[in-house]
Amino acid sequence: MMKYIKILAPLLVALFCTSACSVKNDTLNVMGYNYLFGVGTEKDYAKAVECFRIAAEDGHAGAQNHLAYCYDNGFGVEQDYVEAVRLYKLSADQGFALAQNNLGYSYLFGQGVEQNYERAVELFRLAIAQNDLDAQINLAYCYENGLGVEHNIEEAVRLYKLAAEQNDPAAQNNLGVCYEKGKGVEQDYAEAVRLYKLSAEQGYSRAQSNLGSCYYFGYGGLEQNYAEAVRLYKLAAEQNDPVAQSNLGVCYEDGLGVEQNIEEAIRLYKLAAEQGDEGSIARLEELKKNQDEN
């Protein structure tokens, strides 16, 4: 049941725009950002969208990227990947690095646009030329999996290391997976644990889940500790991480680190299954079969 899934860095947004933007649009973009993330004010997605839309329609690259992000995630608007891609393109065409990365992400997964790995790689490279860390991680993922480029795990590790050295939590986690699995580097559980801890301390859900599994199995120099595994799984599950939800479900099902609770296990499996977690789907089928037989 326990497993690891490498994920890309999340789509991120930028606060500032190019120097050609007016002060008015800069201000609207900052106001929208504050409403979107609750900086100095309560979160208000509708107000964020209103601010971004005014500036975006006036050609503000940062606001176009922000508004696209809202459509990408359904913040203040109905989720619309196609509209998100349209706006990312407008921003990316102005050379806005974060929009280039986000558009590349859309091409990578075919969200709102036909899947095109080569175009995704091209966009990640454009963003990397402007020192975008997330694009660097996404390109590493492409090298790791041979998407749009020839498979090259050594190059993936090199890129993960560069980003991890800059304290990027996604890169630290993904590099930790490489050390854990011995992919592109000599297998080193202790180094994997070290990297997971660095990432988990920044609240990165997949690293919290991975570190939880290190405690669950007791490797990488860690003493087996089901209670600590449960604590970490809960932190990640609260961020809707499907692997953590599934792993926490196992703990509840088996009564490891927590009092046995089959109903809670089923609830967690369902949450993970809704996100396509195959292990959870299998556990739900097995539990249903057992109930039917009894």
C-alpha atoms as a PDB file:
ATOM      1  CA  MET A   1       0.000   0.000   0.000  1.00  0.00           C
ATOM      2  CA  MET A   2       2.712   2.475   0.874  1.00  0.00           C
ATOM      3  CA  LYS A   3       4.102   4.233  -2.139  1.00  0.00           C
ATOM      4  CA  TYR A   4       5.759   7.379  -3.395  1.00  0.00           C
ATOM      5  CA  ILE A   5       4.658   9.495  -6.276  1.00  0.00           C
ATOM      6  CA  LYS A   6       6.876  12.249  -7.572  1.00  0.00           C
ATOM      7  CA  ILE A   7       5.019  15.404  -8.359  1.00  0.00           C
ATOM      8  CA  LEU A   8       5.829  18.638 -10.081  1.00  0.00           C
ATOM      9  CA  ALA A   9       6.217  21.923  -8.373  1.00  0.00           C
ATOM     10  CA  PRO A  10       2.809  23.549  -8.023  1.00  0.00           C
ATOM     11  CA  LEU A  11       1.810  26.293 -10.395  1.00  0.00           C
ATOM     12  CA  LEU A  12       2.969  29.527  -8.807  1.00  0.00           C
ATOM     13  CA  VAL A  13       2.064  33.144  -9.384  1.00  0.00           C
ATOM     14  CA  ALA A  14       4.090  36.323  -9.469  1.00  0.00           C
ATOM     15  CA  LEU A  15       3.547  39.551  -7.618  1.00  0.00           C
ATOM     16  CA  PHE A  16       5.250  42.111  -9.826  1.00  0.00           C
ATOM     17  CA  CYS A  17       4.961  43.016 -13.487  1.00  0.00           C
ATOM     18  CA  THR A  18       7.194  44.426 -16.194  1.00  0.00           C
ATOM     19  CA  SER A  19       8.272  48.031 -16.065  1.00  0.00           C
ATOM     20  CA  ALA A  20       5.938  48.910 -18.965  1.00  0.00           C
ATOM     21  CA  CYS A  21       2.868  48.373 -16.768  1.00  0.00           C
ATOM     22  CA  SER A  22       1.142  51.405 -15.333  1.00  0.00           C
ATOM     23  CA  VAL A  23       1.215  52.187 -11.637  1.00  0.00           C
ATOM     24  CA  LYS A  24      -2.548  51.690 -11.600  1.00  0.00           C
ATOM     25  CA  ASN A  25      -2.253  48.149 -12.936  1.00  0.00           C
ATOM     26  CA  ASP A  26       0.650  47.394 -10.628  1.00  0.00           C
ATOM     27  CA  THR A  27      -1.541  48.435  -7.715  1.00  0.00           C
ATOM     28  CA  LEU A  28      -4.482  46.343  -8.924  1.00  0.00           C
ATOM     29  CA  ASN A  29      -2.208  43.345  -9.342  1.00  0.00           C
ATOM     30  CA  VAL A  30      -0.852  43.693  -5.810  1.00  0.00           C
ATOM     31  CA  MET A  31      -4.343  44.176  -4.405  1.00  0.00           C
ATOM     32  CA  GLY A  32      -5.531  41.072  -6.238  1.00  0.00           C
ATOM     33  CA  TYR A  33      -2.580  39.093  -4.916  1.00  0.00           C
ATOM     34  CA  ASN A  34      -3.365  40.166  -1.365  1.00  0.00           C
ATOM     35  CA  TYR A  35      -7.009  39.130  -1.718  1.00  0.00           C
ATOM     36  CA  LEU A  36      -6.037  35.829  -3.371  1.00  0.00           C
ATOM     37  CA  PHE A  37      -3.630  34.752  -0.648  1.00  0.00           C
ATOM     38  CA  GLY A  38      -4.974  36.690   2.335  1.00  0.00           C
ATOM     39  CA  VAL A  39      -1.943  38.940   2.703  1.00  0.00           C
ATOM     40  CA  GLY A  40      -2.841  41.688   5.172  1.00  0.00           C
ATOM     41  CA  THR A  41      -6.525  41.053   4.583  1.00  0.00           C
ATOM     42  CA  GLU A  42      -9.075  38.258   4.499  1.00  0.00           C
ATOM     43  CA  LYS A  43      -9.049  36.035   1.440  1.00  0.00           C
ATOM     44  CA  ASP A  44     -11.615  37.140  -1.105  1.00  0.00           C
ATOM     45  CA  TYR A  45     -11.358  35.310  -4.407  1.00  0.00           C
ATOM     46  CA  ALA A  46     -14.093  37.376  -6.070  1.00  0.00           C
ATOM     47  CA  LYS A  47     -12.305  40.648  -5.295  1.00  0.00           C
ATOM     48  CA  ALA A  48      -8.998  39.133  -6.402  1.00  0.00           C
ATOM     49  CA  VAL A  49     -10.471  38.165  -9.760  1.00  0.00           C
ATOM     50  CA  GLU A  50     -12.002  41.623 -10.169  1.00  0.00           C
ATOM     51  CA  CYS A  51      -8.635  43.311  -9.619  1.00  0.00           C
ATOM     52  CA  PHE A  52      -6.741  40.922 -11.861  1.00  0.00           C
ATOM     53  CA  ARG A  53      -9.303  41.162 -14.658  1.00  0.00           C
ATOM     54  CA  ILE A  54      -9.124  44.966 -14.885  1.00  0.00           C
ATOM     55  CA  ALA A  55      -5.337  44.936 -15.079  1.00  0.00           C
ATOM     56  CA  ALA A  56      -5.202  41.869 -17.336  1.00  0.00           C
ATOM     57  CA  GLU A  57      -7.530  43.441 -19.880  1.00  0.00           C
ATOM     58  CA  ASP A  58      -5.107  46.366 -19.967  1.00  0.00           C
ATOM     59  CA  GLY A  59      -2.272  43.993 -20.892  1.00  0.00           C
ATOM     60  CA  HIS A  60      -0.595  43.577 -17.487  1.00  0.00           C
ATOM     61  CA  ALA A  61       1.440  40.362 -17.754  1.00  0.00           C
ATOM     62  CA  GLY A  62       1.473  39.615 -14.039  1.00  0.00           C
ATOM     63  CA  ALA A  63      -2.281  40.086 -13.731  1.00  0.00           C
ATOM     64  CA  GLN A  64      -2.873  37.901 -16.789  1.00  0.00           C
ATOM     65  CA  ASN A  65      -0.860  35.153 -15.126  1.00  0.00           C
ATOM     66  CA  HIS A  66      -2.719  35.622 -11.837  1.00  0.00           C
ATOM     67  CA  LEU A  67      -6.114  35.559 -13.505  1.00  0.00           C
ATOM     68  CA  ALA A  68      -5.125  32.436 -15.412  1.00  0.00           C
ATOM     69  CA  TYR A  69      -4.137  30.854 -12.099  1.00  0.00           C
ATOM     70  CA  CYS A  70      -7.609  31.622 -10.758  1.00  0.00           C
ATOM     71  CA  TYR A  71      -9.235  29.938 -13.751  1.00  0.00           C
ATOM     72  CA  ASP A  72      -6.792  27.025 -13.435  1.00  0.00           C
ATOM     73  CA  ASN A  73      -7.878  26.375  -9.860  1.00  0.00           C
ATOM     74  CA  GLY A  74     -11.446  27.675  -9.775  1.00  0.00           C
ATOM     75  CA  PHE A  75     -10.679  30.544  -7.414  1.00  0.00           C
ATOM     76  CA  GLY A  76     -13.445  33.136  -7.680  1.00  0.00           C
ATOM     77  CA  VAL A  77     -14.479  31.800 -11.076  1.00  0.00           C
ATOM     78  CA  GLU A  78     -15.675  28.520 -12.492  1.00  0.00           C
ATOM     79  CA  GLN A  79     -12.662  26.324 -13.240  1.00  0.00           C
ATOM     80  CA  ASP A  80     -11.806  26.681 -16.925  1.00  0.00           C
ATOM     81  CA  TYR A  81      -8.513  25.230 -18.173  1.00  0.00           C
ATOM     82  CA  VAL A  82      -9.047  26.586 -21.687  1.00  0.00           C
ATOM     83  CA  GLU A  83      -9.436  30.150 -20.438  1.00  0.00           C
ATOM     84  CA  ALA A  84      -6.438  29.656 -18.164  1.00  0.00           C
ATOM     85  CA  VAL A  85      -4.312  28.621 -21.143  1.00  0.00           C
ATOM     86  CA  ARG A  86      -5.504  31.627 -23.167  1.00  0.00           C
ATOM     87  CA  LEU A  87      -4.421  33.973 -20.402  1.00  0.00           C
ATOM     88  CA  TYR A  88      -1.141  32.176 -19.753  1.00  0.00           C
ATOM     89  CA  LYS A  89      -0.344  32.569 -23.442  1.00  0.00           C
ATOM     90  CA  LEU A  90      -1.005  36.307 -23.341  1.00  0.00           C
ATOM     91  CA  SER A  91       1.342  36.659 -20.384  1.00  0.00           C
ATOM     92  CA  ALA A  92       3.972  34.241 -21.719  1.00  0.00           C
ATOM     93  CA  ASP A  93       4.040  36.058 -25.053  1.00  0.00           C
ATOM     94  CA  GLN A  94       5.238  39.098 -23.105  1.00  0.00           C
ATOM     95  CA  GLY A  95       8.140  37.026 -21.777  1.00  0.00           C
ATOM     96  CA  PHE A  96       6.689  36.593 -18.281  1.00  0.00           C
ATOM     97  CA  ALA A  97       8.658  33.692 -16.801  1.00  0.00           C
ATOM     98  CA  LEU A  98       6.038  32.315 -14.417  1.00  0.00           C
ATOM     99  CA  ALA A  99       3.426  32.280 -17.166  1.00  0.00           C
ATOM    100  CA  GLN A 100       5.884  30.451 -19.423  1.00  0.00           C
ATOM    101  CA  ASN A 101       6.315  27.829 -16.721  1.00  0.00           C
ATOM    102  CA  ASN A 102       2.592  27.577 -16.033  1.00  0.00           C
ATOM    103  CA  LEU A 103       1.777  27.294 -19.722  1.00  0.00           C
ATOM    104  CA  GLY A 104       4.426  24.602 -20.017  1.00  0.00           C
ATOM    105  CA  TYR A 105       2.725  22.755 -17.156  1.00  0.00           C
ATOM    106  CA  SER A 106      -0.569  22.941 -19.067  1.00  0.00           C
ATOM    107  CA  TYR A 107       1.060  21.455 -22.163  1.00  0.00           C
ATOM    108  CA  LEU A 108       2.767  18.782 -20.068  1.00  0.00           C
ATOM    109  CA  PHE A 109      -0.518  17.492 -18.668  1.00  0.00           C
ATOM    110  CA  GLY A 110      -2.844  18.475 -21.501  1.00  0.00           C
ATOM    111  CA  GLN A 111      -4.912  20.799 -19.326  1.00  0.00           C
ATOM    112  CA  GLY A 112      -6.885  23.157 -21.549  1.00  0.00           C
ATOM    113  CA  VAL A 113      -4.658  22.407 -24.513  1.00  0.00           C
ATOM    114  CA  GLU A 114      -3.558  19.367 -26.484  1.00  0.00           C
ATOM    115  CA  GLN A 115      -0.755  17.566 -24.648  1.00  0.00           C
ATOM    116  CA  ASN A 116       2.603  18.442 -26.152  1.00  0.00           C
ATOM    117  CA  TYR A 117       5.728  17.422 -24.234  1.00  0.00           C
ATOM    118  CA  GLU A 118       8.133  19.121 -26.633  1.00  0.00           C
ATOM    119  CA  ARG A 119       6.307  22.459 -26.333  1.00  0.00           C
ATOM    120  CA  ALA A 120       6.273  22.071 -22.547  1.00  0.00           C
ATOM    121  CA  VAL A 121      10.043  21.577 -22.490  1.00  0.00           C
ATOM    122  CA  GLU A 122      10.529  24.591 -24.748  1.00  0.00           C
ATOM    123  CA  LEU A 123       8.517  26.782 -22.393  1.00  0.00           C
ATOM    124  CA  PHE A 124      10.302  25.470 -19.304  1.00  0.00           C
ATOM    125  CA  ARG A 125      13.636  26.350 -20.914  1.00  0.00           C
ATOM    126  CA  LEU A 126      12.431  29.886 -21.659  1.00  0.00           C
ATOM    127  CA  ALA A 127      11.437  30.329 -18.017  1.00  0.00           C
ATOM    128  CA  ILE A 128      14.691  28.806 -16.768  1.00  0.00           C
ATOM    129  CA  ALA A 129      16.586  31.406 -18.795  1.00  0.00           C
ATOM    130  CA  GLN A 130      14.971  33.905 -16.429  1.00  0.00           C
ATOM    131  CA  ASN A 131      15.976  31.861 -13.373  1.00  0.00           C
ATOM    132  CA  ASP A 132      12.540  30.383 -12.671  1.00  0.00           C
ATOM    133  CA  LEU A 133      13.054  27.594 -10.115  1.00  0.00           C
ATOM    134  CA  ASP A 134       9.749  25.869 -10.724  1.00  0.00           C
ATOM    135  CA  ALA A 135      10.462  25.531 -14.416  1.00  0.00           C
ATOM    136  CA  GLN A 136      13.818  24.002 -13.505  1.00  0.00           C
ATOM    137  CA  ILE A 137      12.074  21.368 -11.399  1.00  0.00           C
ATOM    138  CA  ASN A 138       9.526  20.711 -14.121  1.00  0.00           C
ATOM    139  CA  LEU A 139      12.288  20.254 -16.683  1.00  0.00           C
ATOM    140  CA  ALA A 140      14.029  17.861 -14.302  1.00  0.00           C
ATOM    141  CA  TYR A 141      10.784  15.888 -14.120  1.00  0.00           C
ATOM    142  CA  CYS A 142      10.731  15.722 -17.920  1.00  0.00           C
ATOM    143  CA  TYR A 143      14.309  14.376 -17.999  1.00  0.00           C
ATOM    144  CA  GLU A 144      13.474  11.894 -15.246  1.00  0.00           C
ATOM    145  CA  ASN A 145      10.543  10.507 -17.210  1.00  0.00           C
ATOM    146  CA  GLY A 146      11.683  11.068 -20.796  1.00  0.00           C
ATOM    147  CA  LEU A 147       8.895  13.517 -21.624  1.00  0.00           C
ATOM    148  CA  GLY A 148       9.758  15.757 -24.568  1.00  0.00           C
ATOM    149  CA  VAL A 149      13.438  14.992 -24.076  1.00  0.00           C
ATOM    150  CA  GLU A 150      15.559  11.861 -24.068  1.00  0.00           C
ATOM    151  CA  HIS A 151      15.411  10.128 -20.692  1.00  0.00           C
ATOM    152  CA  ASN A 152      18.377  11.309 -18.632  1.00  0.00           C
ATOM    153  CA  ILE A 153      18.124  10.668 -14.908  1.00  0.00           C
ATOM    154  CA  GLU A 154      21.562  12.148 -14.263  1.00  0.00           C
ATOM    155  CA  GLU A 155      20.452  15.470 -15.761  1.00  0.00           C
ATOM    156  CA  ALA A 156      17.264  15.313 -13.720  1.00  0.00           C
ATOM    157  CA  VAL A 157      19.265  14.847 -10.523  1.00  0.00           C
ATOM    158  CA  ARG A 158      21.572  17.724 -11.472  1.00  0.00           C
ATOM    159  CA  LEU A 159      18.613  20.049 -11.926  1.00  0.00           C
ATOM    160  CA  TYR A 160      16.935  18.868  -8.723  1.00  0.00           C
ATOM    161  CA  LYS A 161      20.176  19.493  -6.833  1.00  0.00           C
ATOM    162  CA  LEU A 162      20.485  23.042  -8.168  1.00  0.00           C
ATOM    163  CA  ALA A 163      16.956  23.855  -7.015  1.00  0.00           C
ATOM    164  CA  ALA A 164      17.291  21.973  -3.716  1.00  0.00           C
ATOM    165  CA  GLU A 165      20.397  23.996  -2.892  1.00  0.00           C
ATOM    166  CA  GLN A 166      18.165  27.068  -3.135  1.00  0.00           C
ATOM    167  CA  ASN A 167      15.866  25.504  -0.533  1.00  0.00           C
ATOM    168  CA  ASP A 168      13.046  24.680  -2.917  1.00  0.00           C
ATOM    169  CA  PRO A 169      10.807  22.133  -1.123  1.00  0.00           C
ATOM    170  CA  ALA A 170       9.592  20.358  -4.277  1.00  0.00           C
ATOM    171  CA  ALA A 171      13.153  19.848  -5.475  1.00  0.00           C
ATOM    172  CA  GLN A 172      14.252  18.640  -2.041  1.00  0.00           C
ATOM    173  CA  ASN A 173      11.442  16.103  -2.032  1.00  0.00           C
ATOM    174  CA  ASN A 174      12.058  14.875  -5.578  1.00  0.00           C
ATOM    175  CA  LEU A 175      15.791  14.631  -4.968  1.00  0.00           C
ATOM    176  CA  GLY A 176      15.007  12.689  -1.804  1.00  0.00           C
ATOM    177  CA  VAL A 177      13.021  10.214  -3.887  1.00  0.00           C
ATOM    178  CA  CYS A 178      16.036   9.789  -6.177  1.00  0.00           C
ATOM    179  CA  TYR A 179      18.280   9.000  -3.198  1.00  0.00           C
ATOM    180  CA  GLU A 180      15.697   6.660  -1.716  1.00  0.00           C
ATOM    181  CA  LYS A 181      15.298   4.733  -4.958  1.00  0.00           C
ATOM    182  CA  GLY A 182      18.909   5.019  -6.127  1.00  0.00           C
ATOM    183  CA  LYS A 183      17.878   6.798  -9.318  1.00  0.00           C
ATOM    184  CA  GLY A 184      20.776   8.727 -10.855  1.00  0.00           C
ATOM    185  CA  VAL A 185      22.645   8.593  -7.536  1.00  0.00           C
ATOM    186  CA  GLU A 186      23.864   5.900  -5.193  1.00  0.00           C
ATOM    187  CA  GLN A 187      21.007   4.775  -2.952  1.00  0.00           C
ATOM    188  CA  ASP A 188      21.227   6.584   0.371  1.00  0.00           C
ATOM    189  CA  TYR A 189      18.269   6.364   2.762  1.00  0.00           C
ATOM    190  CA  ALA A 190      19.843   8.743   5.272  1.00  0.00           C
ATOM    191  CA  GLU A 191      20.258  11.438   2.606  1.00  0.00           C
ATOM    192  CA  ALA A 192      16.680  10.842   1.460  1.00  0.00           C
ATOM    193  CA  VAL A 193      15.441  11.365   5.015  1.00  0.00           C
ATOM    194  CA  ARG A 194      17.514  14.529   5.383  1.00  0.00           C
ATOM    195  CA  LEU A 195      15.999  15.986   2.224  1.00  0.00           C
ATOM    196  CA  TYR A 196      12.474  14.944   3.142  1.00  0.00           C
ATOM    197  CA  LYS A 197      12.879  16.674   6.507  1.00  0.00           C
ATOM    198  CA  LEU A 198      14.048  19.907   4.867  1.00  0.00           C
ATOM    199  CA  SER A 199      11.060  19.860   2.552  1.00  0.00           C
ATOM    200  CA  ALA A 200       8.523  18.725   5.163  1.00  0.00           C
ATOM    201  CA  GLU A 201       9.593  21.522   7.506  1.00  0.00           C
ATOM    202  CA  GLN A 202       8.419  23.932   4.807  1.00  0.00           C
ATOM    203  CA  GLY A 203       5.009  22.292   4.801  1.00  0.00           C
ATOM    204  CA  TYR A 204       5.431  20.406   1.520  1.00  0.00           C
ATOM    205  CA  SER A 205       2.772  17.707   1.652  1.00  0.00           C
ATOM    206  CA  ARG A 206       4.433  15.004  -0.427  1.00  0.00           C
ATOM    207  CA  ALA A 207       7.624  15.264   1.639  1.00  0.00           C
ATOM    208  CA  GLN A 208       5.563  15.002   4.818  1.00  0.00           C
ATOM    209  CA  SER A 209       4.005  11.835   3.429  1.00  0.00           C
ATOM    210  CA  ASN A 210       7.357  10.428   2.321  1.00  0.00           C
ATOM    211  CA  LEU A 211       8.974  11.213   5.669  1.00  0.00           C
ATOM    212  CA  GLY A 212       6.000   9.586   7.356  1.00  0.00           C
ATOM    213  CA  SER A 213       6.727   6.410   5.413  1.00  0.00           C
ATOM    214  CA  CYS A 214      10.352   6.541   6.539  1.00  0.00           C
ATOM    215  CA  TYR A 215       9.109   6.485  10.143  1.00  0.00           C
ATOM    216  CA  TYR A 216       6.522   3.842   9.272  1.00  0.00           C
ATOM    217  CA  PHE A 217       9.176   1.452   7.956  1.00  0.00           C
ATOM    218  CA  GLY A 218      12.012   2.650  10.206  1.00  0.00           C
ATOM    219  CA  TYR A 219      14.767   3.278   7.733  1.00  0.00           C
ATOM    220  CA  GLY A 220      17.263   6.013   6.894  1.00  0.00           C
ATOM    221  CA  GLY A 221      18.556   5.943  10.444  1.00  0.00           C
ATOM    222  CA  LEU A 222      15.092   6.497  11.902  1.00  0.00           C
ATOM    223  CA  GLU A 223      13.606   4.305  14.577  1.00  0.00           C
ATOM    224  CA  GLN A 224      10.283   2.802  13.513  1.00  0.00           C
ATOM    225  CA  ASN A 225       7.596   5.072  14.930  1.00  0.00           C
ATOM    226  CA  TYR A 226       4.002   4.567  13.832  1.00  0.00           C
ATOM    227  CA  ALA A 227       2.725   7.499  15.882  1.00  0.00           C
ATOM    228  CA  GLU A 228       5.124   9.911  14.167  1.00  0.00           C
ATOM    229  CA  ALA A 229       4.204   8.429  10.800  1.00  0.00           C
ATOM    230  CA  VAL A 230       0.534   9.089  11.563  1.00  0.00           C
ATOM    231  CA  ARG A 231       1.287  12.666  12.613  1.00  0.00           C
ATOM    232  CA  LEU A 232       3.069  13.373   9.346  1.00  0.00           C
ATOM    233  CA  TYR A 233       0.454  11.609   7.237  1.00  0.00           C
ATOM    234  CA  LYS A 234      -2.220  13.744   8.879  1.00  0.00           C
ATOM    235  CA  LEU A 235      -0.355  16.955   8.035  1.00  0.00           C
ATOM    236  CA  ALA A 236      -0.151  15.930   4.394  1.00  0.00           C
ATOM    237  CA  ALA A 237      -3.677  14.481   4.254  1.00  0.00           C
ATOM    238  CA  GLU A 238      -5.051  17.802   5.479  1.00  0.00           C
ATOM    239  CA  GLN A 239      -3.515  19.305   2.331  1.00  0.00           C
ATOM    240  CA  ASN A 240      -5.468  16.754   0.289  1.00  0.00           C
ATOM    241  CA  ASP A 241      -2.413  14.670  -0.599  1.00  0.00           C
ATOM    242  CA  PRO A 242      -3.829  11.361  -1.914  1.00  0.00           C
ATOM    243  CA  VAL A 243      -0.797   9.262  -0.979  1.00  0.00           C
ATOM    244  CA  ALA A 244      -0.943  10.525   2.596  1.00  0.00           C
ATOM    245  CA  GLN A 245      -4.688   9.919   2.745  1.00  0.00           C
ATOM    246  CA  SER A 246      -4.150   6.372   1.536  1.00  0.00           C
ATOM    247  CA  ASN A 247      -1.270   5.713   3.921  1.00  0.00           C
ATOM    248  CA  LEU A 248      -3.177   7.198   6.843  1.00  0.00           C
ATOM    249  CA  GLY A 249      -6.068   4.962   5.880  1.00  0.00           C
ATOM    250  CA  VAL A 250      -3.764   1.957   6.235  1.00  0.00           C
ATOM    251  CA  CYS A 251      -2.814   3.080   9.734  1.00  0.00           C
ATOM    252  CA  TYR A 252      -6.452   3.409  10.765  1.00  0.00           C
ATOM    253  CA  GLU A 253      -7.354   0.091   9.160  1.00  0.00           C
ATOM    254  CA  ASP A 254      -4.558  -1.769  10.931  1.00  0.00           C
ATOM    255  CA  GLY A 255      -4.518   0.264  14.162  1.00  0.00           C
ATOM    256  CA  LEU A 256      -0.881   1.323  13.770  1.00  0.00           C
ATOM    257  CA  GLY A 257       0.035   4.536  15.589  1.00  0.00           C
ATOM    258  CA  VAL A 258      -3.637   5.253  16.077  1.00  0.00           C
ATOM    259  CA  GLU A 259      -6.700   3.464  17.428  1.00  0.00           C
ATOM    260  CA  GLN A 260      -8.172   1.125  14.817  1.00  0.00           C
ATOM    261  CA  ASN A 261     -11.107   2.738  13.022  1.00  0.00           C
ATOM    262  CA  ILE A 262     -12.354   1.046   9.853  1.00  0.00           C
ATOM    263  CA  GLU A 263     -14.894   3.782   9.147  1.00  0.00           C
ATOM    264  CA  GLU A 264     -12.170   6.430   9.190  1.00  0.00           C
ATOM    265  CA  ALA A 265      -9.969   4.233   7.002  1.00  0.00           C
ATOM    266  CA  ILE A 266     -12.781   3.946   4.458  1.00  0.00           C
ATOM    267  CA  ARG A 267     -13.340   7.712   4.534  1.00  0.00           C
ATOM    268  CA  LEU A 268      -9.668   8.352   3.812  1.00  0.00           C
ATOM    269  CA  TYR A 269      -9.511   5.702   1.109  1.00  0.00           C
ATOM    270  CA  LYS A 270     -12.488   7.339  -0.588  1.00  0.00           C
ATOM    271  CA  LEU A 271     -10.814  10.755  -0.531  1.00  0.00           C
ATOM    272  CA  ALA A 272      -7.683   9.288  -2.104  1.00  0.00           C
ATOM    273  CA  ALA A 273      -9.660   7.156  -4.573  1.00  0.00           C
ATOM    274  CA  GLU A 274     -11.470  10.268  -5.812  1.00  0.00           C
ATOM    275  CA  GLN A 275      -8.044  11.532  -6.868  1.00  0.00           C
ATOM    276  CA  GLY A 276      -7.281   8.292  -8.691  1.00  0.00           C
ATOM    277  CA  ASP A 277      -5.142   6.583  -6.056  1.00  0.00           C
ATOM    278  CA  GLU A 278      -5.073   2.972  -7.228  1.00  0.00           C
ATOM    279  CA  GLY A 279      -4.057   1.513  -3.888  1.00  0.00           C
ATOM    280  CA  SER A 280      -7.044   3.102  -2.188  1.00  0.00           C
ATOM    281  CA  ILE A 281      -9.378   1.903  -4.902  1.00  0.00           C
ATOM    282  CA  ALA A 282      -8.074  -1.638  -4.365  1.00  0.00           C
ATOM    283  CA  ARG A 283      -8.458  -1.406  -0.560  1.00  0.00           C
ATOM    284  CA  LEU A 284     -12.055  -0.192  -0.889  1.00  0.00           C
ATOM    285  CA  GLU A 285     -12.865  -3.098  -3.181  1.00  0.00           C
ATOM    286  CA  GLU A 286     -11.234  -5.550  -0.768  1.00  0.00           C
ATOM    287  CA  LEU A 287     -13.065  -4.128   2.242  1.00  0.00           C
ATOM    288  CA  LYS A 288     -16.379  -4.245   0.399  1.00  0.00           C
ATOM    289  CA  LYS A 289     -15.709  -7.852  -0.618  1.00  0.00           C
ATOM    290  CA  ASN A 290     -14.973  -8.780   3.000  1.00  0.00           C
ATOM    291  CA  GLN A 291     -18.139  -7.077   4.197  1.00  0.00           C
ATOM    292  CA  ASP A 292     -20.215  -8.890   1.581  1.00  0.00           C
ATOM    293  CA  GLU A 293     -18.749 -12.244   2.603  1.00  0.00           C
ATOM    294  CA  ASN A 294     -19.545 -11.566   6.251  1.00  0.00           C
END
